[in-house]
Amino acid sequence: MKRLIYILTLAVAILTAASSQAQVQQVPERIPPGKFTIKKVDFDHVKKVISDPNNNYYYPKLMKAFYSNDTTLSIEAWRNFYYGYTFQEDYDPFRESVFSNKVEELYYKQPHSRAECDSIEKYAEWSLNDNMFDMNQMNFYIYVLKEKKKHARAAVWQYRLDRLIAAIMSSGKGTKEEPWVVIAPEHEYNIINFLGFVATDHETLDGGIDYIKVQPVAGKSAEGFYFDISRMMTIAELKFPDI
């Protein structure tokens, strides 16, 4: 368990450094996800509804809607899709595509040639096929689709990204009392960047809580945000008992 916490802490530290170096430039313009009700995540309830073939939130139905570019799903549906993924066999809280680094290397060499855009598109798509909740790759994919004037396709992925962010932000307020619940370490930084902040440090607290400190921003009082990673840690312990 201590080694698992160490590995998670190390991963978060790397993400903090990467976030600080990249600043907020990696986040493209996006349409606000709209209003949503803040509600604590009940994983027992999530498991129940995504396992029921007669329920609208049955996981295969949500997966089909995701890949068929359905833009009518409610935030509640996206919550069950996102948090329900932790009950799927292939869920890995530390999942990373082998293609993701190739995308990042190319992306930060702006401006891009046509050939470079083709490569970014290819590797980002392959990365997302391997990890559909990789929001960094979604950002890169949206960027390159817009660069290549594939606006309709970019809009679909923008919709997906916005709703995933809304699903996470509907789980709390980012406070110690009501932390945001995430299922992957990098999602903490996706939320922070989305809010216009840059992470500077992190602290792992008792009870499966992460506190991410941020650089001061004019007009904003936040010094940091709290995230609940307890579900992620529970699954990691079950899947990687030797760590």
C-alpha atoms as a PDB file:
ATOM      1  CA  MET A   1       0.000   0.000   0.000  1.00  0.00           C
ATOM      2  CA  LYS A   2       2.790   2.418   0.900  1.00  0.00           C
ATOM      3  CA  ARG A   3       4.533   1.634  -2.374  1.00  0.00           C
ATOM      4  CA  LEU A   4       1.287   2.238  -4.276  1.00  0.00           C
ATOM      5  CA  ILE A   5       0.890   5.614  -2.594  1.00  0.00           C
ATOM      6  CA  TYR A   6       4.506   6.405  -3.473  1.00  0.00           C
ATOM      7  CA  ILE A   7       3.924   5.519  -7.135  1.00  0.00           C
ATOM      8  CA  LEU A   8       0.776   7.630  -7.246  1.00  0.00           C
ATOM      9  CA  THR A   9       2.579  10.511  -5.538  1.00  0.00           C
ATOM     10  CA  LEU A  10       5.410  10.257  -8.046  1.00  0.00           C
ATOM     11  CA  ALA A  11       2.966  10.233 -10.954  1.00  0.00           C
ATOM     12  CA  VAL A  12       1.184  13.283  -9.593  1.00  0.00           C
ATOM     13  CA  ALA A  13       4.503  15.067  -9.052  1.00  0.00           C
ATOM     14  CA  ILE A  14       5.405  14.470 -12.701  1.00  0.00           C
ATOM     15  CA  LEU A  15       2.017  15.763 -13.774  1.00  0.00           C
ATOM     16  CA  THR A  16       2.485  18.844 -11.595  1.00  0.00           C
ATOM     17  CA  ALA A  17       5.806  19.600 -13.255  1.00  0.00           C
ATOM     18  CA  ALA A  18       4.353  19.034 -16.708  1.00  0.00           C
ATOM     19  CA  SER A  19       1.381  21.264 -15.933  1.00  0.00           C
ATOM     20  CA  SER A  20       3.665  24.018 -14.683  1.00  0.00           C
ATOM     21  CA  GLN A  21       5.817  23.854 -17.817  1.00  0.00           C
ATOM     22  CA  ALA A  22       2.930  23.674 -20.246  1.00  0.00           C
ATOM     23  CA  GLN A  23       1.028  26.466 -18.485  1.00  0.00           C
ATOM     24  CA  VAL A  24      -2.581  26.795 -19.706  1.00  0.00           C
ATOM     25  CA  GLN A  25      -1.799  26.965 -23.427  1.00  0.00           C
ATOM     26  CA  GLN A  26      -2.756  23.334 -24.028  1.00  0.00           C
ATOM     27  CA  VAL A  27      -6.421  24.012 -23.276  1.00  0.00           C
ATOM     28  CA  PRO A  28      -8.304  25.126 -26.390  1.00  0.00           C
ATOM     29  CA  GLU A  29     -11.323  27.397 -26.336  1.00  0.00           C
ATOM     30  CA  ARG A  30     -14.419  25.512 -25.373  1.00  0.00           C
ATOM     31  CA  ILE A  31     -18.103  26.041 -24.820  1.00  0.00           C
ATOM     32  CA  PRO A  32     -19.039  25.923 -21.119  1.00  0.00           C
ATOM     33  CA  PRO A  33     -20.757  22.601 -20.333  1.00  0.00           C
ATOM     34  CA  GLY A  34     -23.771  24.387 -18.935  1.00  0.00           C
ATOM     35  CA  LYS A  35     -25.527  24.148 -15.603  1.00  0.00           C
ATOM     36  CA  PHE A  36     -25.442  20.955 -13.594  1.00  0.00           C
ATOM     37  CA  THR A  37     -26.433  19.815 -10.139  1.00  0.00           C
ATOM     38  CA  ILE A  38     -23.624  19.044  -7.711  1.00  0.00           C
ATOM     39  CA  LYS A  39     -24.160  15.580  -6.274  1.00  0.00           C
ATOM     40  CA  LYS A  40     -21.892  13.243  -4.333  1.00  0.00           C
ATOM     41  CA  VAL A  41     -20.859  10.131  -6.238  1.00  0.00           C
ATOM     42  CA  ASP A  42     -22.550   6.970  -4.966  1.00  0.00           C
ATOM     43  CA  PHE A  43     -20.459   4.171  -6.459  1.00  0.00           C
ATOM     44  CA  ASP A  44     -22.851   1.482  -5.214  1.00  0.00           C
ATOM     45  CA  HIS A  45     -25.659   3.153  -7.138  1.00  0.00           C
ATOM     46  CA  VAL A  46     -23.461   3.608 -10.189  1.00  0.00           C
ATOM     47  CA  LYS A  47     -22.612  -0.091 -10.174  1.00  0.00           C
ATOM     48  CA  LYS A  48     -26.285  -1.004  -9.871  1.00  0.00           C
ATOM     49  CA  VAL A  49     -27.548   1.071 -12.794  1.00  0.00           C
ATOM     50  CA  ILE A  50     -24.696   0.326 -15.216  1.00  0.00           C
ATOM     51  CA  SER A  51     -25.123  -3.409 -14.590  1.00  0.00           C
ATOM     52  CA  ASP A  52     -28.877  -3.452 -15.290  1.00  0.00           C
ATOM     53  CA  PRO A  53     -29.712  -4.204 -18.968  1.00  0.00           C
ATOM     54  CA  ASN A  54     -33.111  -2.558 -18.479  1.00  0.00           C
ATOM     55  CA  ASN A  55     -31.640   0.703 -17.192  1.00  0.00           C
ATOM     56  CA  ASN A  56     -30.908   3.639 -19.488  1.00  0.00           C
ATOM     57  CA  TYR A  57     -27.461   3.821 -17.892  1.00  0.00           C
ATOM     58  CA  TYR A  58     -26.543   0.218 -18.669  1.00  0.00           C
ATOM     59  CA  TYR A  59     -22.864   0.505 -19.527  1.00  0.00           C
ATOM     60  CA  PRO A  60     -22.960  -1.084 -22.996  1.00  0.00           C
ATOM     61  CA  LYS A  61     -25.722   1.409 -23.887  1.00  0.00           C
ATOM     62  CA  LEU A  62     -23.615   4.330 -22.701  1.00  0.00           C
ATOM     63  CA  MET A  63     -20.600   3.005 -24.578  1.00  0.00           C
ATOM     64  CA  LYS A  64     -22.657   2.689 -27.764  1.00  0.00           C
ATOM     65  CA  ALA A  65     -23.966   6.235 -27.353  1.00  0.00           C
ATOM     66  CA  PHE A  66     -20.415   7.532 -26.850  1.00  0.00           C
ATOM     67  CA  TYR A  67     -19.075   5.919 -30.010  1.00  0.00           C
ATOM     68  CA  SER A  68     -22.147   6.824 -32.078  1.00  0.00           C
ATOM     69  CA  ASN A  69     -21.531  10.529 -31.339  1.00  0.00           C
ATOM     70  CA  ASP A  70     -24.792  10.901 -29.397  1.00  0.00           C
ATOM     71  CA  THR A  71     -25.019  14.531 -28.236  1.00  0.00           C
ATOM     72  CA  THR A  72     -28.265  14.118 -26.299  1.00  0.00           C
ATOM     73  CA  LEU A  73     -26.876  12.400 -23.201  1.00  0.00           C
ATOM     74  CA  SER A  74     -27.560  14.120 -19.888  1.00  0.00           C
ATOM     75  CA  ILE A  75     -24.865  15.013 -17.368  1.00  0.00           C
ATOM     76  CA  GLU A  76     -26.215  12.159 -15.225  1.00  0.00           C
ATOM     77  CA  ALA A  77     -25.559   9.774 -18.108  1.00  0.00           C
ATOM     78  CA  TRP A  78     -22.016  11.117 -18.432  1.00  0.00           C
ATOM     79  CA  ARG A  79     -21.495  10.724 -14.671  1.00  0.00           C
ATOM     80  CA  ASN A  80     -22.466   7.060 -14.874  1.00  0.00           C
ATOM     81  CA  PHE A  81     -20.337   6.590 -17.977  1.00  0.00           C
ATOM     82  CA  TYR A  82     -17.264   8.172 -16.383  1.00  0.00           C
ATOM     83  CA  TYR A  83     -17.504   6.692 -12.877  1.00  0.00           C
ATOM     84  CA  GLY A  84     -18.954   3.435 -14.189  1.00  0.00           C
ATOM     85  CA  TYR A  85     -15.744   2.847 -16.091  1.00  0.00           C
ATOM     86  CA  THR A  86     -14.090   1.895 -12.793  1.00  0.00           C
ATOM     87  CA  PHE A  87     -16.246  -1.252 -12.797  1.00  0.00           C
ATOM     88  CA  GLN A  88     -15.066  -2.340 -16.252  1.00  0.00           C
ATOM     89  CA  GLU A  89     -12.477  -5.079 -16.627  1.00  0.00           C
ATOM     90  CA  ASP A  90     -10.027  -2.949 -18.610  1.00  0.00           C
ATOM     91  CA  TYR A  91     -10.064   0.002 -16.199  1.00  0.00           C
ATOM     92  CA  ASP A  92      -6.563   0.960 -15.108  1.00  0.00           C
ATOM     93  CA  PRO A  93      -6.137   4.206 -13.115  1.00  0.00           C
ATOM     94  CA  PHE A  94      -2.611   4.558 -14.474  1.00  0.00           C
ATOM     95  CA  ARG A  95      -3.475   3.713 -18.074  1.00  0.00           C
ATOM     96  CA  GLU A  96      -1.384   5.502 -20.671  1.00  0.00           C
ATOM     97  CA  SER A  97      -1.292   4.881 -24.396  1.00  0.00           C
ATOM     98  CA  VAL A  98       2.071   4.139 -25.990  1.00  0.00           C
ATOM     99  CA  PHE A  99       1.203   6.789 -28.598  1.00  0.00           C
ATOM    100  CA  SER A 100       0.533   9.673 -26.202  1.00  0.00           C
ATOM    101  CA  ASN A 101       4.145  10.847 -25.966  1.00  0.00           C
ATOM    102  CA  LYS A 102       4.406  10.992 -29.756  1.00  0.00           C
ATOM    103  CA  VAL A 103       1.465  13.398 -29.841  1.00  0.00           C
ATOM    104  CA  GLU A 104       2.887  15.672 -27.163  1.00  0.00           C
ATOM    105  CA  GLU A 105       6.310  15.835 -28.817  1.00  0.00           C
ATOM    106  CA  LEU A 106       4.709  16.997 -32.058  1.00  0.00           C
ATOM    107  CA  TYR A 107       2.094  19.269 -30.515  1.00  0.00           C
ATOM    108  CA  TYR A 108       4.538  21.565 -28.728  1.00  0.00           C
ATOM    109  CA  LYS A 109       6.525  22.159 -31.928  1.00  0.00           C
ATOM    110  CA  GLN A 110       4.101  24.790 -33.215  1.00  0.00           C
ATOM    111  CA  PRO A 111       3.390  25.912 -35.894  1.00  0.00           C
ATOM    112  CA  HIS A 112       2.699  22.616 -37.641  1.00  0.00           C
ATOM    113  CA  SER A 113       3.119  21.505 -41.202  1.00  0.00           C
ATOM    114  CA  ARG A 114       0.424  19.509 -42.971  1.00  0.00           C
ATOM    115  CA  ALA A 115       2.400  16.316 -42.421  1.00  0.00           C
ATOM    116  CA  GLU A 116       2.816  17.062 -38.713  1.00  0.00           C
ATOM    117  CA  CYS A 117      -0.930  17.685 -38.399  1.00  0.00           C
ATOM    118  CA  ASP A 118      -1.575  14.335 -40.064  1.00  0.00           C
ATOM    119  CA  SER A 119       0.730  12.647 -37.545  1.00  0.00           C
ATOM    120  CA  ILE A 120      -0.865  14.391 -34.552  1.00  0.00           C
ATOM    121  CA  GLU A 121      -4.300  13.368 -35.771  1.00  0.00           C
ATOM    122  CA  LYS A 122      -3.232   9.744 -36.281  1.00  0.00           C
ATOM    123  CA  TYR A 123      -1.473   9.324 -32.937  1.00  0.00           C
ATOM    124  CA  ALA A 124      -4.148  11.194 -30.967  1.00  0.00           C
ATOM    125  CA  GLU A 125      -6.840   9.000 -32.484  1.00  0.00           C
ATOM    126  CA  TRP A 126      -4.857   5.853 -31.676  1.00  0.00           C
ATOM    127  CA  SER A 127      -4.305   7.105 -28.129  1.00  0.00           C
ATOM    128  CA  LEU A 128      -8.011   7.734 -27.630  1.00  0.00           C
ATOM    129  CA  ASN A 129      -8.855   4.304 -29.000  1.00  0.00           C
ATOM    130  CA  ASP A 130      -6.687   2.926 -26.204  1.00  0.00           C
ATOM    131  CA  ASN A 131      -7.831   5.348 -23.489  1.00  0.00           C
ATOM    132  CA  MET A 132     -11.129   7.057 -24.250  1.00  0.00           C
ATOM    133  CA  PHE A 133     -10.964   9.295 -21.162  1.00  0.00           C
ATOM    134  CA  ASP A 134      -7.550  10.791 -21.918  1.00  0.00           C
ATOM    135  CA  MET A 135      -8.539  14.456 -21.884  1.00  0.00           C
ATOM    136  CA  ASN A 136      -5.080  15.642 -22.874  1.00  0.00           C
ATOM    137  CA  GLN A 137      -5.334  13.651 -26.079  1.00  0.00           C
ATOM    138  CA  MET A 138      -8.847  15.002 -26.616  1.00  0.00           C
ATOM    139  CA  ASN A 139      -7.393  18.512 -26.437  1.00  0.00           C
ATOM    140  CA  PHE A 140      -4.718  17.656 -28.987  1.00  0.00           C
ATOM    141  CA  TYR A 141      -7.224  15.914 -31.238  1.00  0.00           C
ATOM    142  CA  ILE A 142      -9.635  18.864 -31.171  1.00  0.00           C
ATOM    143  CA  TYR A 143      -6.790  21.242 -31.973  1.00  0.00           C
ATOM    144  CA  VAL A 144      -5.583  19.308 -34.999  1.00  0.00           C
ATOM    145  CA  LEU A 145      -9.083  18.681 -36.332  1.00  0.00           C
ATOM    146  CA  LYS A 146      -9.680  22.433 -36.291  1.00  0.00           C
ATOM    147  CA  GLU A 147      -6.323  23.016 -37.966  1.00  0.00           C
ATOM    148  CA  LYS A 148      -7.389  20.629 -40.731  1.00  0.00           C
ATOM    149  CA  LYS A 149     -10.806  22.320 -41.041  1.00  0.00           C
ATOM    150  CA  LYS A 150     -12.640  19.218 -39.821  1.00  0.00           C
ATOM    151  CA  HIS A 151     -14.941  21.362 -37.743  1.00  0.00           C
ATOM    152  CA  ALA A 152     -17.858  18.937 -37.431  1.00  0.00           C
ATOM    153  CA  ARG A 153     -15.609  16.210 -36.061  1.00  0.00           C
ATOM    154  CA  ALA A 154     -13.901  18.702 -33.743  1.00  0.00           C
ATOM    155  CA  ALA A 155     -17.299  19.804 -32.404  1.00  0.00           C
ATOM    156  CA  VAL A 156     -18.192  16.215 -31.489  1.00  0.00           C
ATOM    157  CA  TRP A 157     -14.985  15.777 -29.504  1.00  0.00           C
ATOM    158  CA  GLN A 158     -15.408  19.209 -27.923  1.00  0.00           C
ATOM    159  CA  TYR A 159     -18.843  18.097 -26.763  1.00  0.00           C
ATOM    160  CA  ARG A 160     -17.379  14.914 -25.263  1.00  0.00           C
ATOM    161  CA  LEU A 161     -14.623  16.790 -23.469  1.00  0.00           C
ATOM    162  CA  ASP A 162     -17.002  19.408 -22.072  1.00  0.00           C
ATOM    163  CA  ARG A 163     -19.374  16.768 -20.726  1.00  0.00           C
ATOM    164  CA  LEU A 164     -16.605  14.759 -19.105  1.00  0.00           C
ATOM    165  CA  ILE A 165     -15.401  17.890 -17.340  1.00  0.00           C
ATOM    166  CA  ALA A 166     -18.958  18.703 -16.301  1.00  0.00           C
ATOM    167  CA  ALA A 167     -19.416  15.154 -14.960  1.00  0.00           C
ATOM    168  CA  ILE A 168     -16.350  15.520 -12.756  1.00  0.00           C
ATOM    169  CA  MET A 169     -17.217  19.021 -11.591  1.00  0.00           C
ATOM    170  CA  SER A 170     -20.735  17.890 -10.711  1.00  0.00           C
ATOM    171  CA  SER A 171     -19.230  15.537  -8.119  1.00  0.00           C
ATOM    172  CA  GLY A 172     -18.230  18.320  -5.718  1.00  0.00           C
ATOM    173  CA  LYS A 173     -16.873  21.840  -5.345  1.00  0.00           C
ATOM    174  CA  GLY A 174     -13.144  21.191  -5.164  1.00  0.00           C
ATOM    175  CA  THR A 175     -13.161  21.919  -1.436  1.00  0.00           C
ATOM    176  CA  LYS A 176     -11.935  19.754   1.424  1.00  0.00           C
ATOM    177  CA  GLU A 177     -15.539  19.072   2.417  1.00  0.00           C
ATOM    178  CA  GLU A 178     -16.734  18.446  -1.155  1.00  0.00           C
ATOM    179  CA  PRO A 179     -13.775  17.347  -3.286  1.00  0.00           C
ATOM    180  CA  TRP A 180     -14.055  16.528  -6.965  1.00  0.00           C
ATOM    181  CA  VAL A 181     -13.959  12.789  -7.628  1.00  0.00           C
ATOM    182  CA  VAL A 182     -11.575  11.601 -10.360  1.00  0.00           C
ATOM    183  CA  ILE A 183     -10.683   8.171 -11.729  1.00  0.00           C
ATOM    184  CA  ALA A 184      -7.216   9.049 -13.090  1.00  0.00           C
ATOM    185  CA  PRO A 185      -4.430  11.273 -11.678  1.00  0.00           C
ATOM    186  CA  GLU A 186      -4.161  13.449 -14.792  1.00  0.00           C
ATOM    187  CA  HIS A 187      -7.819  14.396 -14.571  1.00  0.00           C
ATOM    188  CA  GLU A 188      -6.991  16.547 -11.554  1.00  0.00           C
ATOM    189  CA  TYR A 189      -4.816  18.686 -13.805  1.00  0.00           C
ATOM    190  CA  ASN A 190      -7.361  18.731 -16.621  1.00  0.00           C
ATOM    191  CA  ILE A 191      -9.852  20.335 -14.230  1.00  0.00           C
ATOM    192  CA  ILE A 192      -7.302  22.804 -12.875  1.00  0.00           C
ATOM    193  CA  ASN A 193      -6.245  23.854 -16.384  1.00  0.00           C
ATOM    194  CA  PHE A 194      -9.860  24.125 -17.472  1.00  0.00           C
ATOM    195  CA  LEU A 195     -10.440  26.594 -14.628  1.00  0.00           C
ATOM    196  CA  GLY A 196      -7.506  28.693 -15.828  1.00  0.00           C
ATOM    197  CA  PHE A 197      -5.030  27.735 -13.110  1.00  0.00           C
ATOM    198  CA  VAL A 198      -1.561  26.188 -13.193  1.00  0.00           C
ATOM    199  CA  ALA A 199      -0.633  23.526 -10.636  1.00  0.00           C
ATOM    200  CA  THR A 200       2.488  24.194  -8.573  1.00  0.00           C
ATOM    201  CA  ASP A 201       2.500  21.460  -5.935  1.00  0.00           C
ATOM    202  CA  HIS A 202       0.434  18.656  -4.467  1.00  0.00           C
ATOM    203  CA  GLU A 203      -0.144  16.952  -1.152  1.00  0.00           C
ATOM    204  CA  THR A 204      -1.617  13.512  -0.521  1.00  0.00           C
ATOM    205  CA  LEU A 205      -3.886  13.584   2.516  1.00  0.00           C
ATOM    206  CA  ASP A 206      -5.575  10.871   4.564  1.00  0.00           C
ATOM    207  CA  GLY A 207      -8.760   9.299   3.261  1.00  0.00           C
ATOM    208  CA  GLY A 208      -7.722   9.182  -0.382  1.00  0.00           C
ATOM    209  CA  ILE A 209      -7.684  12.944  -0.871  1.00  0.00           C
ATOM    210  CA  ASP A 210      -5.269  14.953  -3.019  1.00  0.00           C
ATOM    211  CA  TYR A 211      -4.711  18.673  -2.542  1.00  0.00           C
ATOM    212  CA  ILE A 212      -3.322  20.473  -5.587  1.00  0.00           C
ATOM    213  CA  LYS A 213      -1.858  23.929  -5.022  1.00  0.00           C
ATOM    214  CA  VAL A 214      -2.107  26.480  -7.831  1.00  0.00           C
ATOM    215  CA  GLN A 215      -0.434  29.687  -8.903  1.00  0.00           C
ATOM    216  CA  PRO A 216      -2.303  32.841  -7.833  1.00  0.00           C
ATOM    217  CA  VAL A 217      -4.556  34.290 -10.523  1.00  0.00           C
ATOM    218  CA  ALA A 218      -5.712  37.892 -10.512  1.00  0.00           C
ATOM    219  CA  GLY A 219      -9.345  38.169  -9.519  1.00  0.00           C
ATOM    220  CA  LYS A 220      -9.506  34.634  -8.142  1.00  0.00           C
ATOM    221  CA  SER A 221      -9.090  33.681  -4.497  1.00  0.00           C
ATOM    222  CA  ALA A 222      -8.410  29.947  -4.858  1.00  0.00           C
ATOM    223  CA  GLU A 223      -5.070  28.702  -3.518  1.00  0.00           C
ATOM    224  CA  GLY A 224      -5.713  25.071  -4.375  1.00  0.00           C
ATOM    225  CA  PHE A 225      -8.304  22.365  -4.946  1.00  0.00           C
ATOM    226  CA  TYR A 226      -9.180  19.025  -3.361  1.00  0.00           C
ATOM    227  CA  PHE A 227      -9.744  15.779  -5.251  1.00  0.00           C
ATOM    228  CA  ASP A 228     -11.085  12.435  -4.073  1.00  0.00           C
ATOM    229  CA  ILE A 229      -8.953   9.581  -5.445  1.00  0.00           C
ATOM    230  CA  SER A 230     -10.188   6.891  -3.043  1.00  0.00           C
ATOM    231  CA  ARG A 231     -12.005   4.841  -5.695  1.00  0.00           C
ATOM    232  CA  MET A 232      -8.930   4.950  -7.902  1.00  0.00           C
ATOM    233  CA  MET A 233      -6.765   3.737  -5.020  1.00  0.00           C
ATOM    234  CA  THR A 234      -9.185   0.944  -4.128  1.00  0.00           C
ATOM    235  CA  ILE A 235      -9.105  -0.464  -7.653  1.00  0.00           C
ATOM    236  CA  ALA A 236      -5.331  -0.045  -7.892  1.00  0.00           C
ATOM    237  CA  GLU A 237      -4.907  -2.093  -4.696  1.00  0.00           C
ATOM    238  CA  LEU A 238      -7.140  -4.859  -6.100  1.00  0.00           C
ATOM    239  CA  LYS A 239      -5.496  -4.976  -9.523  1.00  0.00           C
ATOM    240  CA  PHE A 240      -1.935  -4.467  -8.388  1.00  0.00           C
ATOM    241  CA  PRO A 241      -1.742  -6.191  -4.984  1.00  0.00           C
ATOM    242  CA  ASP A 242       2.022  -6.680  -5.236  1.00  0.00           C
ATOM    243  CA  ILE A 243       2.769  -2.974  -5.533  1.00  0.00           C
END
